[in-house]
Amino acid sequence: MIDIVRANRTDIPILAPLLDQYRQFYQQDSNLVGAIEFLSARILNSESVVFLAYYDKTPSGFCQLFTSYSSVSLQPILILNDLFVKKTHRNKKIGEALLRKAQDFCAVIEYKGLALETAVDNPAQNLYERLGWKKDVGYFHYFWQRPV
């Protein structure tokens, strides 16, 4: 059974190892202390909304949403910045449940919609499209990184 809750400060010790695994999936070094600090700042300062998924009462995944704004439509939007399911819990519809929870949340707070970016070879694209997400083929995505 899948149960999804909105994470709060008491969930940070449960959520941090999942964020650490997510970061390692993206070739980052493990940093559990950094994950705790990052989540604490986001949650305690109300800078993100995090949904935590349990599968048979075991923490198994999460998604993190950030608010942004569209100047063109004059409306707020949500950015689905992170979506992660533990390798041992994949193919159990947890990712789908998290996406649906994010969509429902967006509708309840009456934001314009949700945006995400993903790798061109991410197999989850089929899931996104099945759940009504539209691939934006009309725009390029650019990123500038400050020199270090």
Protein backbone atom coordinates (compact mmCIF):
# COMPACT_ATOMS: atom_id res chain seq x y z
CA MET A 1 0.00 0.00 0.00
CA ILE A 2 1.23 3.50 -0.88
CA ASP A 3 0.74 6.35 1.56
CA ILE A 4 1.88 9.87 0.72
CA VAL A 5 2.23 12.61 3.32
CA ARG A 6 3.34 16.21 3.16
CA ALA A 7 6.70 16.29 4.93
CA ASN A 8 7.28 18.57 7.88
CA ARG A 9 10.19 19.15 10.25
CA THR A 10 9.67 15.84 12.03
CA ASP A 11 10.09 13.98 8.72
CA ILE A 12 13.53 15.43 7.94
CA PRO A 13 15.47 12.49 9.48
CA ILE A 14 13.40 10.10 7.33
CA LEU A 15 13.59 12.23 4.19
CA ALA A 16 17.30 13.13 4.30
CA PRO A 17 18.61 9.63 3.45
CA LEU A 18 16.29 9.59 0.41
CA LEU A 19 17.60 12.98 -0.73
CA ASP A 20 21.15 11.70 -0.22
CA GLN A 21 20.41 8.63 -2.39
CA TYR A 22 18.80 10.87 -5.02
CA ARG A 23 21.93 13.04 -5.15
CA GLN A 24 24.14 9.96 -5.46
CA PHE A 25 21.99 8.81 -8.38
CA TYR A 26 23.07 12.08 -10.05
CA GLN A 27 26.75 11.34 -9.41
CA GLN A 28 27.13 13.51 -6.29
CA ASP A 29 29.09 12.40 -3.25
CA SER A 30 27.08 11.25 -0.27
CA ASN A 31 26.44 14.11 2.13
CA LEU A 32 23.79 13.23 4.68
CA VAL A 33 24.56 16.28 6.84
CA GLY A 34 24.19 18.52 3.79
CA ALA A 35 20.88 16.83 2.90
CA ILE A 36 19.57 17.43 6.41
CA GLU A 37 20.65 21.08 6.31
CA PHE A 38 19.17 21.62 2.85
CA LEU A 39 15.83 20.05 3.72
CA SER A 40 15.68 21.83 7.06
CA ALA A 41 16.15 25.21 5.39
CA ARG A 42 13.58 24.51 2.67
CA ILE A 43 10.92 23.09 4.99
CA LEU A 44 11.42 25.39 7.99
CA ASN A 45 11.44 28.50 5.77
CA SER A 46 8.43 27.28 3.75
CA GLU A 47 10.53 27.41 0.56
CA SER A 48 9.36 24.07 -0.80
CA VAL A 49 6.67 21.47 -0.46
CA VAL A 50 7.91 17.91 -0.09
CA PHE A 51 5.71 14.84 -0.39
CA LEU A 52 7.08 11.68 1.20
CA ALA A 53 5.92 8.28 -0.03
CA TYR A 54 5.68 5.19 2.13
CA TYR A 55 5.25 1.73 0.66
CA ASP A 56 4.00 -0.75 3.26
CA LYS A 57 5.04 1.79 5.92
CA THR A 58 8.61 1.99 4.56
CA PRO A 59 9.93 5.37 3.33
CA SER A 60 10.36 4.79 -0.38
CA GLY A 61 10.40 8.06 -2.31
CA PHE A 62 9.69 11.76 -2.44
CA CYS A 63 9.02 14.72 -4.66
CA GLN A 64 9.93 18.32 -3.98
CA LEU A 65 8.07 21.32 -5.37
CA PHE A 66 9.20 24.93 -5.58
CA THR A 67 7.03 27.94 -6.39
CA SER A 68 7.86 30.10 -9.38
CA TYR A 69 5.89 32.68 -11.32
CA SER A 70 4.87 33.29 -14.89
CA SER A 71 5.04 36.96 -15.80
CA VAL A 72 3.30 36.23 -19.10
CA SER A 73 0.24 34.59 -17.54
CA LEU A 74 0.52 36.55 -14.27
CA GLN A 75 0.13 33.31 -12.32
CA PRO A 76 2.17 31.19 -9.94
CA ILE A 77 3.41 27.79 -11.07
CA LEU A 78 5.08 24.88 -9.33
CA ILE A 79 8.39 23.41 -10.39
CA LEU A 80 8.67 19.71 -9.72
CA ASN A 81 12.37 19.89 -8.97
CA ASP A 82 12.97 16.43 -7.54
CA LEU A 83 11.29 13.06 -7.94
CA PHE A 84 12.92 9.97 -6.49
CA VAL A 85 11.95 6.40 -5.69
CA LYS A 86 14.38 4.02 -4.00
CA LYS A 87 15.74 1.43 -6.39
CA THR A 88 14.30 -1.37 -4.25
CA HIS A 89 10.82 0.14 -4.50
CA ARG A 90 10.60 0.96 -8.20
CA ASN A 91 7.88 -0.49 -10.44
CA LYS A 92 5.35 -0.31 -7.61
CA LYS A 93 3.56 2.84 -8.90
CA ILE A 94 5.17 5.04 -6.23
CA GLY A 95 6.46 7.57 -8.77
CA GLU A 96 3.03 7.75 -10.34
CA ALA A 97 1.42 8.29 -6.92
CA LEU A 98 3.86 11.10 -6.14
CA LEU A 99 3.18 12.78 -9.49
CA ARG A 100 -0.57 12.54 -8.97
CA LYS A 101 -0.19 14.00 -5.47
CA ALA A 102 1.76 16.94 -6.92
CA GLN A 103 -0.90 17.47 -9.60
CA ASP A 104 -3.70 17.35 -7.03
CA PHE A 105 -1.85 19.78 -4.77
CA CYS A 106 -1.34 22.20 -7.68
CA ALA A 107 -5.05 22.07 -8.48
CA VAL A 108 -6.08 22.61 -4.84
CA ILE A 109 -3.89 25.71 -4.44
CA GLU A 110 -5.08 26.91 -7.87
CA TYR A 111 -1.67 27.39 -9.46
CA LYS A 112 -1.41 27.49 -13.25
CA GLY A 113 0.44 24.18 -13.52
CA LEU A 114 3.56 22.15 -12.91
CA ALA A 115 6.86 22.23 -14.78
CA LEU A 116 9.73 19.78 -14.75
CA GLU A 117 12.87 19.08 -16.68
CA THR A 118 14.36 15.68 -17.26
CA ALA A 119 17.15 13.98 -19.16
CA VAL A 120 16.34 13.17 -22.78
CA ASP A 121 16.92 9.47 -22.06
CA ASN A 122 14.85 9.30 -18.86
CA PRO A 123 12.40 6.39 -19.21
CA ALA A 124 9.95 8.19 -16.88
CA GLN A 125 8.93 10.38 -19.83
CA ASN A 126 6.32 7.77 -20.73
CA LEU A 127 4.83 8.10 -17.25
CA TYR A 128 4.77 11.90 -17.44
CA GLU A 129 2.99 11.84 -20.77
CA ARG A 130 0.52 9.18 -19.62
CA LEU A 131 -0.41 11.48 -16.72
CA GLY A 132 -1.11 14.42 -19.02
CA TRP A 133 2.24 16.23 -19.01
CA LYS A 134 3.10 17.81 -22.37
CA LYS A 135 6.63 17.87 -23.73
CA ASP A 136 7.65 21.41 -24.64
CA VAL A 137 9.30 21.15 -28.03
CA GLY A 138 9.04 24.86 -28.80
CA TYR A 139 11.69 26.12 -26.40
CA PHE A 140 15.29 25.41 -25.52
CA HIS A 141 16.46 25.14 -21.95
CA TYR A 142 19.60 27.10 -21.04
CA PHE A 143 21.56 27.19 -17.82
CA TRP A 144 24.24 29.63 -16.72
CA GLN A 145 26.59 28.65 -13.91
CA ARG A 146 28.68 31.16 -12.05
CA PRO A 147 32.41 30.56 -12.34
CA VAL A 148 34.01 29.07 -9.23
